[in-house]
Protein backbone atom coordinates (compact mmCIF):
# COMPACT_ATOMS: atom_id res chain seq x y z
CA MET A 1 -26.71 5.28 -18.83
CA ALA A 2 -23.46 6.99 -19.71
CA ASN A 3 -23.11 8.40 -23.17
CA GLU A 4 -20.89 5.85 -24.88
CA ALA A 5 -19.64 8.48 -27.33
CA ARG A 6 -18.23 10.21 -24.29
CA PRO A 7 -17.61 7.37 -21.85
CA CYS A 8 -15.87 9.43 -19.19
CA PRO A 9 -16.46 8.18 -15.64
CA CYS A 10 -15.88 11.67 -14.22
CA ASP A 11 -17.91 14.73 -15.17
CA ILE A 12 -15.94 17.76 -16.27
CA GLY A 13 -17.75 19.78 -13.63
CA ASP A 14 -16.29 23.10 -12.45
CA ARG A 15 -12.57 23.79 -12.50
CA PHE A 16 -11.65 25.74 -9.40
CA GLU A 17 -9.46 28.79 -9.65
CA TYR A 18 -7.22 27.79 -6.80
CA GLY A 19 -3.50 27.99 -6.29
CA GLY A 20 -2.98 25.80 -3.24
CA LEU A 21 -1.38 26.34 0.16
CA GLY A 22 1.03 23.40 0.03
CA HIS A 23 4.12 22.63 -2.00
CA GLU A 24 5.37 20.00 -4.42
CA VAL A 25 7.95 17.39 -3.45
CA GLN A 26 9.79 14.54 -5.15
CA VAL A 27 9.33 11.20 -3.38
CA GLU A 28 11.60 8.68 -5.08
CA HIS A 29 10.08 8.33 -8.59
CA ILE A 30 6.86 10.19 -7.74
CA LYS A 31 5.99 13.86 -7.68
CA ALA A 32 3.48 14.83 -5.01
CA TYR A 33 1.63 17.81 -3.58
CA VAL A 34 1.86 18.08 0.21
CA CYS A 35 0.06 20.32 2.68
CA LYS A 36 0.66 20.16 6.43
CA PRO A 37 -1.45 21.47 9.31
CA SER A 38 -0.26 24.28 11.54
CA ALA A 39 0.13 21.95 14.53
CA SER A 40 2.29 18.83 14.42
CA THR A 41 0.41 15.56 14.06
CA GLY A 42 1.00 11.87 13.53
CA LYS A 43 -2.06 11.52 11.31
CA ALA A 44 -1.92 11.63 7.53
CA VAL A 45 -4.21 11.15 4.53
CA VAL A 46 -3.21 10.10 1.02
CA VAL A 47 -5.40 11.78 -1.62
CA ILE A 48 -5.85 9.86 -4.87
CA HIS A 49 -6.78 12.05 -7.82
CA ASP A 50 -9.32 11.42 -10.56
CA ILE A 51 -8.53 11.03 -14.28
CA PHE A 52 -7.58 14.70 -14.50
CA GLY A 53 -4.45 14.14 -12.46
CA TRP A 54 -2.62 15.33 -9.38
CA GLN A 55 -2.31 18.97 -10.48
CA LEU A 56 -6.05 19.61 -10.77
CA PRO A 57 -6.77 22.63 -8.53
CA ASN A 58 -9.98 21.01 -7.26
CA THR A 59 -8.08 18.08 -5.78
CA ARG A 60 -5.48 20.37 -4.22
CA TYR A 61 -8.33 22.32 -2.65
CA ILE A 62 -9.55 19.14 -0.93
CA THR A 63 -5.98 18.26 0.06
CA ASP A 64 -5.63 21.65 1.73
CA MET A 65 -9.02 21.16 3.40
CA LEU A 66 -7.69 17.97 5.00
CA ALA A 67 -4.63 19.86 6.27
CA ALA A 68 -6.91 22.55 7.72
CA ASN A 69 -8.64 19.75 9.63
CA GLY A 70 -5.40 18.59 11.22
CA TYR A 71 -3.99 16.02 8.77
CA ILE A 72 -0.76 15.82 6.85
CA ALA A 73 -2.26 15.55 3.38
CA ILE A 74 -0.44 14.34 0.27
CA CYS A 75 -1.68 14.00 -3.30
CA PRO A 76 0.87 12.00 -5.35
CA ASP A 77 0.97 11.68 -9.12
CA PHE A 78 -0.38 8.16 -9.42
CA PHE A 79 -0.04 8.37 -13.20
CA VAL A 80 3.73 8.74 -12.57
CA GLY A 81 4.37 11.27 -15.31
CA GLN A 82 1.86 9.87 -17.77
CA LYS A 83 -0.44 12.52 -19.18
CA PRO A 84 -3.76 12.87 -17.34
CA TRP A 85 -6.95 12.98 -19.32
CA ASP A 86 -7.77 16.32 -20.92
CA PRO A 87 -11.38 17.32 -21.72
CA SER A 88 -10.22 18.16 -25.25
CA ASP A 89 -8.88 14.64 -25.86
CA ASP A 90 -10.64 12.29 -28.27
CA TRP A 91 -13.31 10.52 -26.23
CA SER A 92 -13.30 7.57 -28.60
CA ILE A 93 -9.92 6.49 -27.20
CA PHE A 94 -10.86 6.96 -23.54
CA ASN A 95 -11.35 3.29 -22.71
CA ASP A 96 -7.98 2.40 -24.26
CA TRP A 97 -6.38 5.28 -22.34
CA LEU A 98 -7.92 4.03 -19.11
CA LYS A 99 -6.47 0.55 -19.60
CA THR A 100 -2.97 2.05 -19.33
CA ARG A 101 -3.86 3.57 -15.96
CA ASP A 102 -5.18 0.70 -13.86
CA ALA A 103 -6.56 1.84 -10.49
CA SER A 104 -5.76 -1.57 -9.02
CA LYS A 105 -2.05 -1.15 -9.77
CA VAL A 106 -1.17 1.68 -7.41
CA ASP A 107 0.49 -0.51 -4.77
CA ARG A 108 4.09 0.32 -5.58
CA GLU A 109 3.44 4.06 -5.45
CA VAL A 110 1.38 3.76 -2.27
CA ASP A 111 4.22 1.89 -0.55
CA VAL A 112 6.65 4.66 -1.51
CA ILE A 113 4.31 7.34 -0.18
CA LEU A 114 3.65 5.45 3.05
CA LYS A 115 7.39 5.17 3.65
CA TYR A 116 7.77 8.91 3.06
CA LEU A 117 4.93 9.77 5.43
CA LYS A 118 6.35 7.56 8.18
CA GLU A 119 10.01 8.48 7.82
CA GLN A 120 9.84 12.12 6.74
CA CYS A 121 6.57 13.27 8.32
CA ASN A 122 6.44 11.04 11.43
CA ALA A 123 2.99 9.77 10.49
CA LYS A 124 1.69 6.98 12.72
CA LYS A 125 -1.86 6.60 11.41
CA ILE A 126 -2.57 6.92 7.69
CA GLY A 127 -5.83 6.86 5.76
CA VAL A 128 -6.72 7.35 2.12
CA ILE A 129 -9.42 9.13 0.12
CA GLY A 130 -10.00 9.11 -3.63
CA PHE A 131 -12.27 10.54 -6.30
CA CYS A 132 -13.71 8.52 -9.20
CA TRP A 133 -10.59 6.74 -10.57
CA GLY A 134 -9.09 7.40 -7.16
CA GLY A 135 -12.20 5.99 -5.49
CA MET A 136 -11.59 2.74 -7.34
CA ALA A 137 -8.02 2.78 -6.06
CA VAL A 138 -9.28 3.29 -2.50
CA HIS A 139 -11.60 0.29 -2.86
CA HIS A 140 -8.64 -1.78 -4.06
CA LEU A 141 -6.39 -0.62 -1.20
CA MET A 142 -9.02 -1.30 1.44
CA LEU A 143 -9.09 -4.91 0.27
CA LYS A 144 -5.36 -5.55 0.58
CA ASN A 145 -3.12 -2.91 2.20
CA PRO A 146 -2.64 -3.66 5.91
CA GLU A 147 -0.96 -0.34 6.71
CA LEU A 148 -3.81 1.99 5.83
CA LYS A 149 -6.25 2.44 8.71
CA THR A 150 -9.31 3.63 6.80
CA GLY A 151 -10.55 4.86 3.43
CA VAL A 152 -13.15 7.07 1.80
CA ALA A 153 -14.10 6.10 -1.77
CA ILE A 154 -15.86 9.05 -3.38
CA TYR A 155 -17.90 7.99 -6.42
CA GLY A 156 -15.46 5.20 -7.21
CA VAL A 157 -16.77 3.35 -10.25
CA ILE A 158 -18.15 0.08 -8.90
CA LYS A 159 -18.35 -1.99 -12.09
CA TYR A 160 -14.59 -2.64 -12.10
CA PHE A 161 -14.73 -4.08 -8.60
CA GLU A 162 -17.60 -6.52 -8.73
CA ASP A 163 -17.35 -9.40 -6.24
CA ARG A 164 -14.73 -7.66 -4.10
CA TYR A 165 -16.26 -6.96 -0.73
CA SER A 166 -14.02 -8.42 2.00
CA LEU A 167 -12.62 -5.13 3.23
CA LEU A 168 -9.72 -5.08 5.69
CA HIS A 169 -10.43 -1.60 7.04
CA PRO A 170 -13.39 0.67 7.78
CA THR A 171 -14.48 2.23 4.49
CA PHE A 172 -16.93 4.99 3.64
CA PHE A 173 -18.51 5.01 0.17
CA ILE A 174 -19.96 8.29 -1.13
CA PHE A 175 -22.30 8.37 -4.15
CA GLY A 176 -24.59 10.86 -5.88
CA GLU A 177 -28.22 9.93 -6.45
CA SER A 178 -28.16 11.22 -10.04
CA ASP A 179 -24.79 9.81 -11.08
CA ASP A 180 -25.09 8.69 -14.72
CA TYR A 181 -21.97 6.53 -14.45
CA ILE A 182 -22.79 4.68 -11.23
CA PRO A 183 -26.42 3.49 -11.39
CA LEU A 184 -28.22 3.19 -8.07
CA GLU A 185 -28.77 -0.53 -8.61
CA GLN A 186 -24.98 -0.99 -8.50
CA VAL A 187 -24.84 0.94 -5.22
CA THR A 188 -27.66 -1.16 -3.80
CA LEU A 189 -25.85 -4.36 -4.77
CA LEU A 190 -22.61 -3.07 -3.25
CA GLU A 191 -24.35 -2.40 0.05
CA GLN A 192 -26.05 -5.80 -0.02
CA LYS A 193 -22.78 -7.63 -0.68
CA LEU A 194 -20.92 -5.67 1.99
CA LYS A 195 -23.61 -6.65 4.47
CA GLU A 196 -23.07 -10.29 3.54
CA HIS A 197 -19.27 -10.39 3.38
CA CYS A 198 -17.69 -7.42 5.16
CA LYS A 199 -16.48 -7.89 8.73
CA VAL A 200 -15.29 -4.33 9.36
CA ASP A 201 -17.23 -1.09 9.69
CA TYR A 202 -18.45 0.45 6.45
CA ARG A 203 -20.94 3.03 5.33
CA VAL A 204 -22.62 3.62 1.97
CA LYS A 205 -24.30 7.01 1.60
CA ILE A 206 -26.21 8.46 -1.35
CA TYR A 207 -26.59 12.25 -1.57
CA PRO A 208 -29.94 13.42 -3.02
CA GLY A 209 -29.94 14.88 -6.51
CA GLN A 210 -26.16 14.87 -6.85
CA THR A 211 -24.25 13.95 -9.99
CA HIS A 212 -20.87 12.34 -10.44
CA GLY A 213 -18.08 14.60 -9.23
CA PHE A 214 -20.21 16.69 -6.86
CA VAL A 215 -17.86 16.59 -3.86
CA HIS A 216 -14.84 18.09 -5.61
CA ARG A 217 -15.99 19.20 -9.04
CA ARG A 218 -18.94 21.41 -8.20
CA ARG A 219 -18.55 24.92 -6.86
CA GLU A 220 -20.87 25.77 -4.00
CA ASP A 221 -21.11 29.43 -4.98
CA ILE A 222 -22.52 28.78 -8.46
CA ASN A 223 -24.61 25.73 -7.57
CA PRO A 224 -26.62 26.94 -4.55
CA GLN A 225 -29.06 24.04 -4.72
CA ASP A 226 -26.16 21.62 -4.39
CA LYS A 227 -24.26 23.51 -1.70
CA PRO A 228 -25.84 21.71 1.32
CA TYR A 229 -24.96 18.29 -0.12
CA ILE A 230 -21.44 19.27 -1.17
CA GLU A 231 -20.75 20.58 2.33
CA GLU A 232 -22.45 17.61 3.99
CA ALA A 233 -20.35 15.11 2.03
CA ARG A 234 -17.12 16.92 2.88
CA LYS A 235 -18.08 17.04 6.56
CA ASP A 236 -18.99 13.35 6.46
CA MET A 237 -15.60 12.57 4.90
CA ILE A 238 -13.78 14.45 7.68
CA TYR A 239 -15.95 12.84 10.37
CA TRP A 240 -15.12 9.37 9.06
CA LEU A 241 -11.39 10.11 9.00
CA ASN A 242 -11.56 11.59 12.52
CA LYS A 243 -13.33 8.47 13.73
CA TYR A 244 -10.66 6.03 12.51
CA LEU A 245 -7.41 7.99 12.52
């Protein structure tokens, strides 16, 4: 179980030393980080950050990885100027802090970003990925947004989305076997309920020995035992996007 004295649903993990290949833009009331591929494309992916916000180098690294694989990739500030969580913050107030940043209330910002991608970037097919808090947002969007073609929820915390399984779009769920914040019994129940209620393609995959945050918050070069699973999950993410976009 998670340590309730430190009830963070996203491990601190490794902070990448990474500057980014893209640039920042202002899209109506939202700041965003954008990276485009070398060749023109009509395919785009919205990247939804974790609790540490849109400027985290790790998330920009993944955004750039998507661009390197042929997608217009954009990571907006879904906290819209509100301060992201800082590891030095008082963990006793985390749950109250989280209540002011509801992952199921990203619709307005998503609509703004979709308009930008269509009108300014000529995007025709758009998907979404998200990490932890962002994974919850992906789950929410896959239940209700008709314009997004597919989603990848990467260790999105399940407990906030119980009894919500009627997905509109193909969705890939990534989890770590040793995730303290998302017990395997919750993952098993999710898969069971999707099998009962979901009418679109989905996949639930558990990566052996991996903890919360492993896809974007663990460095392959200092965690050699994790490297195969980190790389596998990233390849699986790209494969899923390629399949549906």
